[in-house]
């Protein structure tokens, strides 16, 4: 019988994205440890046709909204 403590589940590799606004490349960790979780700016989901934003564009968008 296999010991459950010996079973390791591989974590998905961070996906590479291009910012929907400026095209800058950045990584997104699908396990929930993405850099954006550390940001104080919390915005609604991207508008139709947009995906994630890079750190700089996220901050600019948060400033424009507030």
Protein backbone atom coordinates (compact mmCIF):
# COMPACT_ATOMS: atom_id res chain seq x y z
CA UNK A 1 0.00 0.00 0.00
CA UNK A 2 1.26 3.47 -0.82
CA UNK A 3 1.86 5.88 2.02
CA UNK A 4 -0.23 9.05 1.31
CA UNK A 5 2.59 11.18 2.75
CA UNK A 6 4.88 9.91 -0.02
CA UNK A 7 2.56 10.98 -2.82
CA UNK A 8 3.48 14.35 -4.27
CA UNK A 9 1.21 16.27 -6.55
CA UNK A 10 3.17 18.38 -9.01
CA UNK A 11 2.32 22.08 -8.94
CA UNK A 12 1.46 23.63 -12.29
CA UNK A 13 4.19 25.83 -13.73
CA UNK A 14 3.44 29.57 -13.77
CA UNK A 15 1.83 30.51 -17.04
CA UNK A 16 3.37 33.26 -19.13
CA UNK A 17 0.97 36.05 -20.01
CA UNK A 18 1.14 39.25 -22.00
CA UNK A 19 -0.55 42.28 -20.45
CA UNK A 20 -3.78 43.10 -22.28
CA UNK A 21 -2.92 46.80 -22.27
CA UNK A 22 0.83 47.18 -22.82
CA UNK A 23 1.97 43.73 -23.96
CA UNK A 24 4.55 43.27 -21.16
CA UNK A 25 5.17 39.62 -20.32
CA UNK A 26 4.71 38.36 -16.77
CA UNK A 27 4.03 35.13 -14.92
CA UNK A 28 0.81 34.01 -13.26
CA UNK A 29 0.89 31.17 -10.75
CA UNK A 30 -2.34 29.19 -11.10
CA UNK A 31 -1.96 27.75 -7.58
CA UNK A 32 -3.11 31.09 -6.17
CA UNK A 33 0.33 32.54 -5.40
CA UNK A 34 0.18 35.16 -8.14
CA UNK A 35 1.85 38.52 -7.53
CA UNK A 36 -1.49 40.29 -8.02
CA UNK A 37 -2.78 38.75 -4.77
CA UNK A 38 -0.22 40.95 -2.97
CA UNK A 39 -1.53 44.15 -4.57
CA UNK A 40 -3.70 46.49 -2.56
CA UNK A 41 -5.56 47.52 -5.71
CA UNK A 42 -8.55 45.25 -6.27
CA UNK A 43 -10.45 45.85 -9.48
CA UNK A 44 -13.42 44.16 -11.13
CA UNK A 45 -12.71 41.38 -13.58
CA UNK A 46 -11.12 42.53 -16.84
CA UNK A 47 -13.40 44.04 -19.43
CA UNK A 48 -14.55 41.91 -22.35
CA UNK A 49 -11.60 40.89 -24.48
CA UNK A 50 -9.01 41.58 -21.78
CA UNK A 51 -7.03 39.14 -19.70
CA UNK A 52 -4.79 39.91 -16.73
CA UNK A 53 -2.83 43.15 -16.49
CA UNK A 54 0.82 43.57 -15.56
CA UNK A 55 1.63 45.18 -12.21
CA UNK A 56 2.16 48.65 -13.70
CA UNK A 57 -1.07 48.66 -15.75
CA UNK A 58 -3.05 47.27 -12.80
CA UNK A 59 -1.81 50.13 -10.64
CA UNK A 60 -2.58 52.69 -13.36
CA UNK A 61 -6.10 51.29 -13.77
CA UNK A 62 -6.67 51.39 -10.00
CA UNK A 63 -5.59 55.05 -9.91
CA UNK A 64 -7.93 55.90 -12.79
CA UNK A 65 -10.88 54.23 -11.02
CA UNK A 66 -10.34 55.87 -7.64
